[in-house]
Amino acid sequence: MAKIQSNAIFLSFFVLLFLFYSFLAFKSPGKFTSPDETANFYFIRQFAGNLFFKVAEPLNGAAPIVVPRSIMVQKDALLPGSFFGMPLLYGAIGWFLGKWIILFLTPLFSAIAVFVFYKLIILIFDRRTAIISAGLMAIHPAFWYYTARGMFHNDLFLDLLIFGFYFLTRTLITHNTNNVKYQGSSIKNYANYALAGLFIGGAIAVRTSEIIWVGIILLALIIFHRQKIDWRIGIWIALIGMIISMIPILYQNNKLYGNALTFSYTVGAERAEVAGQAAAKAAGSANVFAKIFNDISGLFEKAIFPFGIHWDNIFANVWNYGVVLVWPFALLTLFGCVLFFRNGIINFIYSSVRRSSDKRVILIYFIGYLFLSIYLLIYYGSWKINDNILGSNLVSLEQAYARYWLPIYIFGLPFASLAILTLLQKGLSIISYRYADQRRWICRSTQSVLMCLFVIILFIFSVSSAVLERNVGLAKVRQNTLEYKEVALKAKRTIESNAVIVSGKADKIFFPEFKVIASEINTNKKAKQLKKILQKAPVYISILDFSGQSEKLNKLESFGFKIGKEMKVSTDVALYRISY
């Protein structure tokens, strides 16, 4: 009976999470507020339809500018401009089950990940820490936000990584048995090796740029737990699992680019700048050894920190997006890390860490968390990102740092749990001292009240940050996407179906209903290319910001284009026919 009740609670909580996370998926208009989401959804549907990514665009044969952001042009075709992992996985599932399921996949994986995270943490810490950590993960505003906005890669990457680390931990840690022979030889453990390899490999396939820190953590775990690893069979099963996860990516690379190791995703100008700096170092060296050293250092910096290391950016971004943006969770995590570090030093002095395998495992987790935090804070914190339409000064979940630092937010939650448990214990000890004659009843009641208070405060903060934030909250995102759909439908009724729209950053509104040119026509080269497109199809320009309307139109006129009359497709958007 107790098991049935437990399963019912589990199922109810799972369904509730899935519904929360599917806020945007239900009755979605198929529009998004980010070009990355738009491109991913477009190619997922494309792959789900015919198991092929390449989309013909004949106009690019005349001039390779008919393309939205986050999509690349290859001759006269459109290809994904980012990682293939998620489009491949979701596209394959959509092909098998139907395209209707695509937008529900990330909420589904994330709801499962919350429970797998609980199972992972209980293997390393204890049951109370695991329950609180999973609860904090379920309502964390950044995790909630990017689960709902599931066409970004980041949340799926984190989900698959949690799955992989869970199965990897099961192979390395056993409870209620110290039988290493059993641990390394059972069929069940071989399955754990295989699943660990598949899921970690899948996570890398989804976001290949994270391979360095994930690889270093895996290498460290192998070194620390080398005596528990099955070197005869298990490790090879895990490697085969990782290779199997990567084979579809390598196959698509070879099919589309002619080389399995050629990836579509590029960092951009920052990487080229770092490479240039490395070359300058080598050129300025006075001797061969200095040149070799500088070449190696330049390549190392390019591989490990492609955006360079810029401490002013790092400190500003850590404060804004590591602390202020998610401050209740951040402060709890920081407090918990300080407590653990203090206790770890004391345990080390008294050598209890050496005597207790459980404490060693927790210490390894702490060291791994410190490493991934420092690496990701430097890696992404050095980059000056401005992908918020409301300006770079607005600190919000919309900015990319929030999704890039999801591993920092989530894997630090066990230490936030430690902080909560410590605060509860301190509060109970004070109350217990004052009400000694009613200690048991008071303690139970107070513990329940304090825990409920923590949950309510954190939940209210998460709802206000992730859902109700007036500029970029999920409610606002839903409103914007519905308006985008209305604009696109009005445009379809207003202009030719084969028209090309010079959209700029409004490409997410008009694509894929219309072919779009996302780049600005601000050079003679772009103007000449646009004239070639005009010979093939009707062209319009969209104006969203009416304060800058005359400047954009005057620029086109300076290149010899003629601007037609205004055609309103919404109160904020107008189209103008271009000719020459």
Protein backbone atom coordinates (compact mmCIF):
# COMPACT_ATOMS: atom_id res chain seq x y z
CA MET A 1 0.00 0.00 0.00
CA ALA A 2 2.81 2.38 0.91
CA LYS A 3 4.52 1.64 -2.40
CA ILE A 4 1.33 2.42 -4.33
CA GLN A 5 0.98 5.74 -2.49
CA SER A 6 4.64 6.55 -3.18
CA ASN A 7 4.21 5.79 -6.89
CA ALA A 8 1.04 7.91 -7.00
CA ILE A 9 2.87 10.86 -5.45
CA PHE A 10 5.75 10.40 -7.88
CA LEU A 11 3.43 10.26 -10.89
CA SER A 12 1.43 13.30 -9.72
CA PHE A 13 4.58 15.35 -9.19
CA PHE A 14 5.94 14.27 -12.59
CA VAL A 15 2.73 15.24 -14.40
CA LEU A 16 2.64 18.57 -12.57
CA LEU A 17 6.23 19.33 -13.56
CA PHE A 18 5.59 18.39 -17.17
CA LEU A 19 2.57 20.68 -17.32
CA PHE A 20 4.49 23.56 -15.76
CA TYR A 21 7.38 23.10 -18.16
CA SER A 22 5.06 22.79 -21.18
CA PHE A 23 3.64 26.29 -20.64
CA LEU A 24 4.77 27.48 -24.09
CA ALA A 25 4.35 24.16 -25.88
CA PHE A 26 0.56 23.97 -25.49
CA LYS A 27 -1.13 25.79 -28.38
CA SER A 28 2.22 27.10 -29.58
CA PRO A 29 1.99 29.29 -32.70
CA GLY A 30 5.28 27.85 -33.94
CA LYS A 31 7.00 31.21 -33.46
CA PHE A 32 9.92 32.05 -31.19
CA THR A 33 11.64 35.14 -29.81
CA SER A 34 15.15 33.91 -30.63
CA PRO A 35 16.72 33.11 -34.02
CA ASP A 36 18.38 30.04 -32.47
CA GLU A 37 15.02 28.61 -31.43
CA THR A 38 13.52 29.45 -34.83
CA ALA A 39 16.35 27.71 -36.71
CA ASN A 40 16.32 24.63 -34.49
CA PHE A 41 12.56 24.21 -34.79
CA TYR A 42 12.71 24.70 -38.56
CA PHE A 43 15.36 22.00 -39.09
CA ILE A 44 13.82 19.62 -36.56
CA ARG A 45 10.58 19.74 -38.54
CA GLN A 46 12.55 19.43 -41.77
CA PHE A 47 14.37 16.31 -40.52
CA ALA A 48 11.15 14.87 -39.05
CA GLY A 49 9.57 15.22 -42.47
CA ASN A 50 12.17 13.63 -44.76
CA LEU A 51 15.20 12.71 -42.58
CA PHE A 52 17.30 15.31 -44.39
CA PHE A 53 18.63 18.70 -43.28
CA LYS A 54 19.52 20.46 -46.49
CA VAL A 55 16.82 22.83 -47.79
CA ALA A 56 17.13 24.16 -51.32
CA GLU A 57 17.07 27.94 -51.73
CA PRO A 58 17.64 28.77 -55.44
CA LEU A 59 17.81 32.53 -54.81
CA ASN A 60 21.12 32.05 -53.02
CA GLY A 61 22.55 30.94 -56.33
CA ALA A 62 22.17 34.57 -57.43
CA ALA A 63 23.40 36.08 -54.14
CA PRO A 64 24.01 34.17 -50.88
CA ILE A 65 22.07 36.55 -48.63
CA VAL A 66 18.58 35.01 -48.50
CA VAL A 67 18.94 33.46 -45.07
CA PRO A 68 17.77 34.16 -41.50
CA ARG A 69 20.13 34.33 -38.54
CA SER A 70 21.42 31.07 -37.02
CA ILE A 71 21.17 29.36 -40.42
CA MET A 72 24.04 29.05 -42.85
CA VAL A 73 24.18 29.08 -46.64
CA GLN A 74 25.96 26.39 -48.62
CA LYS A 75 25.84 27.24 -52.31
CA ASP A 76 22.09 27.35 -53.05
CA ALA A 77 20.93 25.54 -49.90
CA LEU A 78 20.19 26.29 -46.23
CA LEU A 79 21.83 24.27 -43.46
CA PRO A 80 21.78 24.40 -39.66
CA GLY A 81 24.16 27.02 -38.30
CA SER A 82 24.55 25.35 -34.93
CA PHE A 83 24.99 21.91 -33.33
CA PHE A 84 23.27 18.95 -35.02
CA GLY A 85 22.59 16.91 -31.87
CA MET A 86 19.20 18.21 -30.84
CA PRO A 87 17.78 18.55 -34.39
CA LEU A 88 18.85 14.97 -35.09
CA LEU A 89 17.39 13.52 -31.89
CA TYR A 90 14.16 15.50 -31.89
CA GLY A 91 13.78 15.15 -35.65
CA ALA A 92 14.11 11.37 -35.44
CA ILE A 93 11.57 11.20 -32.61
CA GLY A 94 9.25 13.52 -34.56
CA TRP A 95 9.60 11.35 -37.66
CA PHE A 96 8.67 8.26 -35.62
CA LEU A 97 5.91 9.67 -33.37
CA GLY A 98 4.74 12.73 -35.28
CA LYS A 99 5.75 16.39 -35.40
CA TRP A 100 3.23 17.28 -32.68
CA ILE A 101 5.60 15.92 -30.02
CA ILE A 102 8.61 18.11 -30.87
CA LEU A 103 7.83 21.02 -28.56
CA PHE A 104 7.02 18.68 -25.66
CA LEU A 105 10.32 16.77 -25.74
CA THR A 106 12.45 19.15 -23.68
CA PRO A 107 9.76 19.49 -20.96
CA LEU A 108 9.53 15.69 -20.92
CA PHE A 109 13.29 15.13 -20.65
CA SER A 110 13.60 17.85 -18.00
CA ALA A 111 10.80 16.43 -15.85
CA ILE A 112 12.58 13.07 -15.97
CA ALA A 113 15.92 14.77 -15.24
CA VAL A 114 14.59 16.18 -11.95
CA PHE A 115 13.94 12.65 -10.67
CA VAL A 116 17.21 11.29 -12.07
CA PHE A 117 19.01 14.18 -10.35
CA TYR A 118 17.41 13.04 -7.09
CA LYS A 119 18.71 9.50 -7.72
CA LEU A 120 22.17 10.87 -8.55
CA ILE A 121 22.45 13.02 -5.43
CA ILE A 122 21.20 10.25 -3.14
CA LEU A 123 24.10 8.10 -4.38
CA ILE A 124 26.60 10.79 -3.38
CA PHE A 125 25.04 12.62 -0.42
CA ASP A 126 21.97 11.48 1.55
CA ARG A 127 18.21 11.25 1.07
CA ARG A 128 17.33 14.62 2.66
CA THR A 129 19.91 16.45 0.55
CA ALA A 130 18.69 14.64 -2.56
CA ILE A 131 15.02 15.53 -1.95
CA ILE A 132 15.77 19.20 -1.35
CA SER A 133 18.20 19.37 -4.30
CA ALA A 134 15.65 17.86 -6.69
CA GLY A 135 12.98 20.22 -5.40
CA LEU A 136 15.26 23.22 -5.90
CA MET A 137 16.10 22.03 -9.40
CA ALA A 138 12.42 21.65 -10.28
CA ILE A 139 11.67 25.29 -9.43
CA HIS A 140 15.00 26.92 -10.32
CA PRO A 141 14.05 29.92 -12.52
CA ALA A 142 16.80 29.41 -15.12
CA PHE A 143 16.08 25.69 -15.46
CA TRP A 144 12.33 26.33 -15.63
CA TYR A 145 12.76 29.14 -18.16
CA TYR A 146 14.92 27.22 -20.61
CA THR A 147 12.95 24.03 -20.19
CA ALA A 148 9.86 25.91 -21.33
CA ARG A 149 11.89 27.50 -24.14
CA GLY A 150 12.91 24.02 -25.21
CA MET A 151 14.27 24.79 -28.67
CA PHE A 152 17.55 25.92 -27.12
CA HIS A 153 20.20 23.18 -26.83
CA ASN A 154 21.27 23.99 -23.29
CA ASP A 155 18.57 22.37 -21.23
CA LEU A 156 18.65 19.12 -23.21
CA PHE A 157 22.44 19.06 -22.83
CA LEU A 158 22.09 19.34 -19.06
CA ASP A 159 19.35 16.68 -18.93
CA LEU A 160 21.42 14.15 -20.88
CA LEU A 161 24.50 14.95 -18.80
CA ILE A 162 22.57 14.28 -15.59
CA PHE A 163 21.37 10.96 -17.02
CA GLY A 164 24.92 10.04 -17.99
CA PHE A 165 26.47 11.05 -14.66
CA TYR A 166 23.80 9.07 -12.82
CA PHE A 167 24.61 5.83 -14.64
CA LEU A 168 28.34 6.54 -14.38
CA THR A 169 28.02 7.06 -10.63
CA ARG A 170 26.12 3.79 -10.31
CA THR A 171 29.08 2.00 -11.86
CA LEU A 172 31.51 3.63 -9.43
CA ILE A 173 29.56 3.73 -6.17
CA THR A 174 27.71 0.86 -4.56
CA HIS A 175 25.55 1.03 -1.47
CA ASN A 176 25.06 -1.85 0.91
CA THR A 177 27.92 -3.78 -0.68
CA ASN A 178 31.69 -3.46 -0.96
CA ASN A 179 31.97 -6.33 -3.42
CA VAL A 180 34.12 -4.80 -6.14
CA LYS A 181 34.14 -8.04 -8.09
CA TYR A 182 30.34 -8.02 -8.25
CA GLN A 183 30.41 -4.35 -9.08
CA GLY A 184 32.63 -4.84 -12.11
CA SER A 185 31.25 -8.06 -13.53
CA SER A 186 27.45 -7.97 -13.34
CA ILE A 187 25.36 -7.64 -16.49
CA LYS A 188 23.44 -4.84 -14.79
CA ASN A 189 26.65 -2.92 -14.33
CA TYR A 190 27.56 -3.39 -17.98
CA ALA A 191 24.22 -1.80 -18.82
CA ASN A 192 25.16 1.12 -16.56
CA TYR A 193 28.43 1.56 -18.46
CA ALA A 194 26.60 1.48 -21.79
CA LEU A 195 23.94 3.99 -20.70
CA ALA A 196 26.56 6.29 -19.17
CA GLY A 197 28.44 6.32 -22.46
CA LEU A 198 25.30 6.82 -24.54
CA PHE A 199 23.95 9.72 -22.48
CA ILE A 200 27.26 11.53 -21.95
CA GLY A 201 28.07 11.07 -25.62
CA GLY A 202 24.59 12.36 -26.45
CA ALA A 203 25.15 15.43 -24.28
CA ILE A 204 28.40 16.18 -26.12
CA ALA A 205 26.62 15.67 -29.43
CA VAL A 206 24.00 18.23 -28.37
CA ARG A 207 26.61 20.84 -27.32
CA THR A 208 30.02 19.88 -28.65
CA SER A 209 31.56 23.08 -27.28
CA GLU A 210 31.26 21.68 -23.73
CA ILE A 211 33.51 18.70 -24.48
CA ILE A 212 36.59 20.13 -22.72
CA TRP A 213 35.24 20.51 -19.18
CA VAL A 214 33.11 17.37 -19.42
CA GLY A 215 36.14 15.43 -20.68
CA ILE A 216 38.38 16.70 -17.88
CA ILE A 217 35.80 15.74 -15.23
CA LEU A 218 35.45 12.27 -16.76
CA LEU A 219 39.23 11.85 -16.80
CA ALA A 220 39.46 12.94 -13.15
CA LEU A 221 36.72 10.49 -12.15
CA ILE A 222 38.52 7.68 -13.93
CA ILE A 223 41.73 8.52 -12.07
CA PHE A 224 40.08 8.85 -8.64
CA HIS A 225 38.00 5.67 -9.07
CA ARG A 226 40.46 3.64 -11.13
CA GLN A 227 40.26 0.69 -8.75
CA LYS A 228 36.48 0.42 -9.19
CA ILE A 229 36.47 0.59 -12.98
CA ASP A 230 36.10 -2.57 -15.00
CA TRP A 231 39.05 -2.05 -17.33
CA ARG A 232 38.52 -5.39 -19.05
CA ILE A 233 35.02 -4.86 -20.50
CA GLY A 234 33.06 -2.04 -18.83
CA ILE A 235 35.24 0.87 -19.95
CA TRP A 236 35.10 -0.30 -23.55
CA ILE A 237 31.32 -0.62 -23.40
CA ALA A 238 31.14 3.00 -22.20
CA LEU A 239 33.44 4.17 -25.00
CA ILE A 240 31.37 2.30 -27.59
CA GLY A 241 28.25 3.96 -26.17
CA MET A 242 29.83 7.41 -26.57
CA ILE A 243 30.92 6.61 -30.12
CA ILE A 244 27.43 5.38 -31.02
CA SER A 245 26.01 8.71 -29.81
CA MET A 246 28.44 10.66 -31.98
CA ILE A 247 28.15 8.55 -35.16
CA PRO A 248 24.98 10.31 -36.44
CA ILE A 249 26.68 13.71 -36.00
CA LEU A 250 29.82 12.61 -37.80
CA TYR A 251 27.74 11.03 -40.56
CA GLN A 252 25.77 14.24 -41.10
CA ASN A 253 28.98 16.29 -41.09
CA ASN A 254 30.45 14.07 -43.78
CA LYS A 255 27.21 14.08 -45.76
CA LEU A 256 26.75 17.86 -45.71
CA TYR A 257 30.33 19.17 -45.57
CA GLY A 258 32.39 16.33 -46.99
CA ASN A 259 34.32 15.81 -43.74
CA ALA A 260 33.16 14.05 -40.59
CA LEU A 261 35.13 16.45 -38.37
CA THR A 262 33.81 19.64 -39.97
CA PHE A 263 31.15 21.16 -37.71
CA SER A 264 28.64 23.82 -38.71
CA TYR A 265 28.88 25.79 -35.49
CA THR A 266 31.53 28.51 -35.29
CA VAL A 267 32.17 30.94 -32.49
CA GLY A 268 32.54 33.96 -34.74
CA ALA A 269 34.78 36.97 -34.74
CA GLU A 270 36.04 36.33 -31.21
CA ARG A 271 37.75 33.09 -32.24
CA ALA A 272 39.37 34.73 -35.25
CA GLU A 273 40.60 37.54 -33.00
CA VAL A 274 42.22 35.08 -30.60
CA ALA A 275 43.84 33.23 -33.51
CA GLY A 276 45.18 36.54 -34.81
CA GLN A 277 46.63 37.36 -31.42
CA ALA A 278 48.33 33.96 -31.31
CA ALA A 279 49.86 34.54 -34.75
CA ALA A 280 51.07 37.99 -33.68
CA LYS A 281 52.75 36.48 -30.65
CA ALA A 282 54.63 33.99 -32.77
CA ALA A 283 55.66 36.58 -35.39
CA GLY A 284 57.09 38.89 -32.73
CA SER A 285 59.24 36.26 -31.05
CA ALA A 286 62.97 36.57 -31.40
CA ASN A 287 63.94 32.92 -31.46
CA VAL A 288 62.59 29.56 -32.53
CA PHE A 289 61.85 28.31 -29.02
CA ALA A 290 59.87 31.40 -28.16
CA LYS A 291 57.91 31.07 -31.39
CA ILE A 292 57.07 27.44 -30.64
CA PHE A 293 56.05 28.28 -27.09
CA ASN A 294 53.87 31.17 -28.20
CA ASP A 295 52.30 29.07 -30.95
CA ILE A 296 51.39 26.38 -28.43
CA SER A 297 50.08 28.91 -25.91
CA GLY A 298 48.01 30.57 -28.62
CA LEU A 299 46.52 27.25 -29.72
CA PHE A 300 45.90 26.27 -26.10
CA GLU A 301 44.13 29.57 -25.41
CA LYS A 302 42.11 29.19 -28.61
CA ALA A 303 40.98 25.69 -27.66
CA ILE A 304 40.37 26.24 -23.95
CA PHE A 305 39.26 29.88 -23.86
CA PRO A 306 38.25 30.91 -27.41
CA PHE A 307 36.91 34.29 -26.19
CA GLY A 308 40.15 35.07 -24.36
CA ILE A 309 40.26 35.89 -20.65
CA HIS A 310 38.83 39.33 -19.81
CA TRP A 311 38.59 39.80 -16.05
CA ASP A 312 36.46 42.93 -16.18
CA ASN A 313 33.80 41.07 -18.18
CA ILE A 314 34.09 38.02 -15.92
CA PHE A 315 33.57 39.94 -12.66
CA ALA A 316 30.63 41.92 -14.08
CA ASN A 317 28.93 38.84 -15.54
CA VAL A 318 29.50 36.69 -12.45
CA TRP A 319 27.91 39.37 -10.28
CA ASN A 320 24.97 40.00 -12.62
CA TYR A 321 24.20 36.47 -13.82
CA GLY A 322 25.88 34.30 -11.22
CA VAL A 323 24.48 36.13 -8.19
CA VAL A 324 21.93 38.90 -8.79
CA LEU A 325 19.81 37.10 -11.41
CA VAL A 326 19.11 34.07 -9.20
CA TRP A 327 20.10 35.56 -5.85
CA PRO A 328 18.21 33.30 -3.38
CA PHE A 329 19.58 30.14 -5.02
CA ALA A 330 23.02 31.70 -5.51
CA LEU A 331 23.36 32.81 -1.89
CA LEU A 332 22.26 29.42 -0.59
CA THR A 333 24.73 27.68 -2.88
CA LEU A 334 27.58 29.99 -1.87
CA PHE A 335 26.76 29.60 1.82
CA GLY A 336 26.60 25.82 1.41
CA CYS A 337 29.96 25.75 -0.41
CA VAL A 338 31.56 27.79 2.37
CA LEU A 339 30.12 25.44 5.01
CA PHE A 340 31.30 22.38 3.12
CA PHE A 341 34.76 23.85 2.57
CA ARG A 342 35.08 24.70 6.26
CA ASN A 343 33.91 21.25 7.31
CA GLY A 344 36.14 19.67 4.66
CA ILE A 345 39.21 21.40 6.06
CA ILE A 346 38.33 20.24 9.58
CA ASN A 347 37.74 16.67 8.36
CA PHE A 348 41.03 16.73 6.50
CA ILE A 349 42.88 17.85 9.64
CA TYR A 350 41.39 14.94 11.57
CA SER A 351 41.85 12.58 8.58
CA SER A 352 38.19 11.49 8.57
CA VAL A 353 38.05 12.03 4.81
CA ARG A 354 40.66 9.33 4.34
CA ARG A 355 38.78 6.88 6.55
CA SER A 356 35.33 7.47 5.02
CA SER A 357 34.70 6.54 1.38
CA ASP A 358 31.39 8.46 1.47
CA LYS A 359 33.18 11.66 2.45
CA ARG A 360 35.76 11.11 -0.29
CA VAL A 361 32.96 10.84 -2.88
CA ILE A 362 31.35 14.07 -1.67
CA LEU A 363 34.74 15.79 -1.68
CA ILE A 364 35.33 14.66 -5.27
CA TYR A 365 31.91 16.05 -6.21
CA PHE A 366 32.80 19.36 -4.55
CA ILE A 367 36.15 19.58 -6.37
CA GLY A 368 34.46 18.72 -9.67
CA TYR A 369 31.83 21.39 -9.07
CA LEU A 370 34.48 24.01 -8.29
CA PHE A 371 36.32 23.12 -11.49
CA LEU A 372 33.28 23.30 -13.79
CA SER A 373 32.19 26.55 -12.14
CA ILE A 374 35.56 28.25 -12.53
CA TYR A 375 35.95 27.01 -16.10
CA LEU A 376 32.49 28.05 -17.28
CA LEU A 377 32.66 31.39 -15.48
CA ILE A 378 35.92 32.20 -17.25
CA TYR A 379 34.93 30.61 -20.59
CA TYR A 380 31.59 32.36 -21.05
CA GLY A 381 32.12 35.23 -18.61
CA SER A 382 34.90 36.63 -20.80
CA TRP A 383 32.47 36.97 -23.69
CA LYS A 384 30.48 40.19 -23.95
CA ILE A 385 27.08 38.92 -25.09
CA ASN A 386 24.19 41.13 -26.10
CA ASP A 387 21.32 38.99 -27.37
CA ASN A 388 18.64 40.79 -25.40
CA ILE A 389 16.42 42.95 -27.62
CA LEU A 390 15.93 45.37 -24.72
CA GLY A 391 19.61 46.14 -24.39
CA SER A 392 22.79 44.70 -22.91
CA ASN A 393 22.29 46.50 -19.58
CA LEU A 394 19.15 44.57 -18.73
CA VAL A 395 20.01 41.58 -16.53
CA SER A 396 17.47 38.91 -17.33
CA LEU A 397 17.04 35.22 -18.04
CA GLU A 398 16.87 36.09 -21.74
CA GLN A 399 20.63 36.72 -21.84
CA ALA A 400 22.72 33.75 -22.92
CA TYR A 401 24.78 33.59 -19.71
CA ALA A 402 21.76 32.18 -17.88
CA ARG A 403 21.55 29.16 -20.18
CA TYR A 404 25.32 28.72 -20.55
CA TRP A 405 25.67 28.56 -16.76
CA LEU A 406 22.86 26.06 -16.15
CA PRO A 407 25.40 23.40 -15.03
CA ILE A 408 26.72 25.83 -12.39
CA TYR A 409 23.21 26.58 -11.13
CA ILE A 410 22.03 22.95 -10.97
CA PHE A 411 25.08 20.99 -9.85
CA GLY A 412 25.54 23.47 -6.99
CA LEU A 413 22.10 22.73 -5.53
CA PRO A 414 23.29 19.99 -3.12
CA PHE A 415 25.31 22.70 -1.36
CA ALA A 416 22.25 24.97 -1.33
CA SER A 417 20.47 22.03 0.33
CA LEU A 418 23.27 21.82 2.89
CA ALA A 419 22.76 25.51 3.64
CA ILE A 420 18.99 25.04 4.07
CA LEU A 421 19.46 22.04 6.38
CA THR A 422 22.03 23.98 8.43
CA LEU A 423 19.73 26.99 8.78
CA LEU A 424 16.85 24.71 9.79
CA GLN A 425 19.03 22.99 12.36
CA LYS A 426 20.17 26.30 13.84
CA GLY A 427 16.62 27.60 13.97
CA LEU A 428 15.38 24.41 15.63
CA SER A 429 18.16 24.46 18.21
CA ILE A 430 17.23 28.02 19.24
CA ILE A 431 13.53 27.16 19.54
CA SER A 432 14.28 23.88 21.29
CA TYR A 433 16.32 25.70 23.91
CA ARG A 434 13.56 28.23 24.63
CA TYR A 435 10.74 25.67 24.77
CA ALA A 436 12.46 22.75 26.44
CA ASP A 437 9.29 21.39 28.04
CA GLN A 438 7.52 21.07 24.66
CA ARG A 439 10.62 20.34 22.63
CA ARG A 440 9.44 17.43 20.45
CA TRP A 441 6.13 18.94 19.31
CA ILE A 442 7.64 22.39 18.78
CA CYS A 443 10.57 21.03 16.77
CA ARG A 444 8.36 19.05 14.41
CA SER A 445 5.99 21.93 13.84
CA THR A 446 8.78 24.47 13.40
CA GLN A 447 10.67 22.28 10.96
CA SER A 448 7.57 21.93 8.79
CA VAL A 449 6.82 25.66 8.95
CA LEU A 450 10.38 26.70 8.12
CA MET A 451 10.64 24.26 5.23
CA CYS A 452 7.31 25.45 3.82
CA LEU A 453 8.51 29.04 4.19
CA PHE A 454 11.68 28.26 2.23
CA VAL A 455 9.71 26.54 -0.52
CA ILE A 456 7.12 29.33 -0.79
CA ILE A 457 9.74 32.10 -0.95
CA LEU A 458 11.82 30.31 -3.59
CA PHE A 459 8.77 29.32 -5.63
CA ILE A 460 7.42 32.89 -5.62
CA PHE A 461 10.83 34.18 -6.71
CA SER A 462 11.00 31.61 -9.53
CA VAL A 463 7.49 32.37 -10.79
CA SER A 464 8.15 36.11 -10.76
CA SER A 465 11.51 35.67 -12.54
CA ALA A 466 10.73 32.93 -15.06
CA VAL A 467 7.04 33.46 -15.82
CA LEU A 468 5.81 36.90 -14.79
CA GLU A 469 8.86 39.09 -15.51
CA ARG A 470 7.37 41.89 -17.58
CA ASN A 471 10.02 42.09 -20.32
CA VAL A 472 11.17 38.53 -21.04
CA GLY A 473 9.13 36.24 -18.76
CA LEU A 474 7.41 33.21 -20.23
CA ALA A 475 4.04 34.96 -20.18
CA LYS A 476 5.55 37.83 -22.21
CA VAL A 477 7.28 35.39 -24.55
CA ARG A 478 3.95 33.69 -25.21
CA GLN A 479 2.30 37.04 -25.93
CA ASN A 480 5.11 38.02 -28.30
CA THR A 481 5.02 34.78 -30.26
CA LEU A 482 1.26 35.02 -30.72
CA GLU A 483 1.71 38.55 -32.05
CA TYR A 484 4.49 37.37 -34.37
CA LYS A 485 2.15 34.76 -35.83
CA GLU A 486 -0.56 37.36 -36.42
CA VAL A 487 1.93 39.63 -38.21
CA ALA A 488 3.15 36.77 -40.43
CA LEU A 489 -0.43 35.79 -41.33
CA LYS A 490 -1.33 39.40 -42.11
CA ALA A 491 1.75 39.68 -44.32
CA LYS A 492 0.70 36.53 -46.20
CA ARG A 493 -2.61 38.18 -46.98
CA THR A 494 -0.92 41.44 -48.00
CA ILE A 495 2.07 40.58 -50.21
CA GLU A 496 3.07 37.91 -52.73
CA SER A 497 3.70 34.41 -51.41
CA ASN A 498 7.11 34.28 -53.13
CA ALA A 499 8.24 37.65 -51.74
CA VAL A 500 11.57 38.13 -49.99
CA ILE A 501 11.60 40.34 -46.89
CA VAL A 502 14.65 42.32 -45.82
CA SER A 503 13.84 41.72 -42.20
CA GLY A 504 16.96 42.39 -40.16
CA LYS A 505 16.30 41.07 -36.64
CA ALA A 506 12.62 40.59 -37.47
CA ASP A 507 13.52 37.40 -39.36
CA LYS A 508 12.00 35.35 -36.53
CA ILE A 509 8.64 37.00 -37.28
CA PHE A 510 8.49 36.29 -41.01
CA PHE A 511 10.49 33.06 -41.38
CA PRO A 512 9.61 30.40 -42.52
CA GLU A 513 6.40 31.81 -44.03
CA PHE A 514 8.60 34.05 -46.16
CA LYS A 515 12.16 34.00 -47.42
CA VAL A 516 14.11 36.57 -45.47
CA ILE A 517 17.34 38.55 -45.64
CA ALA A 518 18.54 39.04 -42.07
CA SER A 519 21.66 41.03 -42.92
CA GLU A 520 21.49 44.81 -43.16
CA ILE A 521 21.85 46.35 -46.62
CA ASN A 522 24.50 48.85 -45.60
CA THR A 523 27.34 48.37 -48.10
CA ASN A 524 27.71 48.58 -51.86
CA LYS A 525 28.36 44.84 -51.97
CA LYS A 526 25.11 44.07 -50.15
CA ALA A 527 23.24 46.52 -52.39
CA LYS A 528 24.53 44.79 -55.53
CA GLN A 529 23.51 41.41 -54.13
CA LEU A 530 20.04 42.71 -53.32
CA LYS A 531 19.65 43.97 -56.90
CA LYS A 532 20.36 40.43 -58.11
CA ILE A 533 17.62 39.10 -55.83
CA LEU A 534 15.22 41.77 -57.15
CA GLN A 535 15.65 40.27 -60.63
CA LYS A 536 14.31 36.97 -59.32
CA ALA A 537 11.57 37.85 -56.80
CA PRO A 538 9.63 40.77 -55.28
CA VAL A 539 11.43 42.27 -52.27
CA TYR A 540 10.06 44.16 -49.26
CA ILE A 541 11.71 45.69 -46.23
CA SER A 542 10.16 45.44 -42.79
CA ILE A 543 10.37 48.29 -40.30
CA LEU A 544 9.73 47.50 -36.63
CA ASP A 545 11.31 50.48 -34.90
CA PHE A 546 9.57 53.47 -36.42
CA SER A 547 12.03 55.88 -34.80
CA GLY A 548 14.73 54.47 -37.11
CA GLN A 549 12.48 54.07 -40.13
CA SER A 550 13.70 57.07 -42.17
CA GLU A 551 17.36 56.18 -41.60
CA LYS A 552 16.96 52.65 -43.00
CA LEU A 553 14.88 53.78 -45.93
CA ASN A 554 17.21 56.68 -46.72
CA LYS A 555 20.13 54.24 -46.73
CA LEU A 556 18.40 52.11 -49.36
CA GLU A 557 17.59 55.18 -51.45
CA SER A 558 21.25 56.22 -51.34
CA PHE A 559 22.08 52.93 -53.10
CA GLY A 560 19.61 53.73 -55.87
CA PHE A 561 16.60 51.77 -54.62
CA LYS A 562 13.06 53.07 -54.80
CA ILE A 563 10.77 52.71 -51.78
CA GLY A 564 7.10 51.94 -52.31
CA LYS A 565 4.17 52.94 -50.17
CA GLU A 566 3.76 51.80 -46.57
CA MET A 567 1.76 48.63 -45.92
CA LYS A 568 0.84 48.11 -42.26
CA VAL A 569 0.79 44.48 -41.10
CA SER A 570 0.39 45.44 -37.42
CA THR A 571 0.41 48.56 -35.29
CA ASP A 572 4.19 48.23 -34.90
CA VAL A 573 5.29 46.64 -38.18
CA ALA A 574 5.18 48.02 -41.72
CA LEU A 575 6.36 46.65 -45.07
CA TYR A 576 7.68 48.69 -48.01
CA ARG A 577 8.15 47.40 -51.56
CA ILE A 578 11.71 47.83 -52.87
CA SER A 579 12.55 48.35 -56.53
CA TYR A 580 15.31 49.97 -58.60
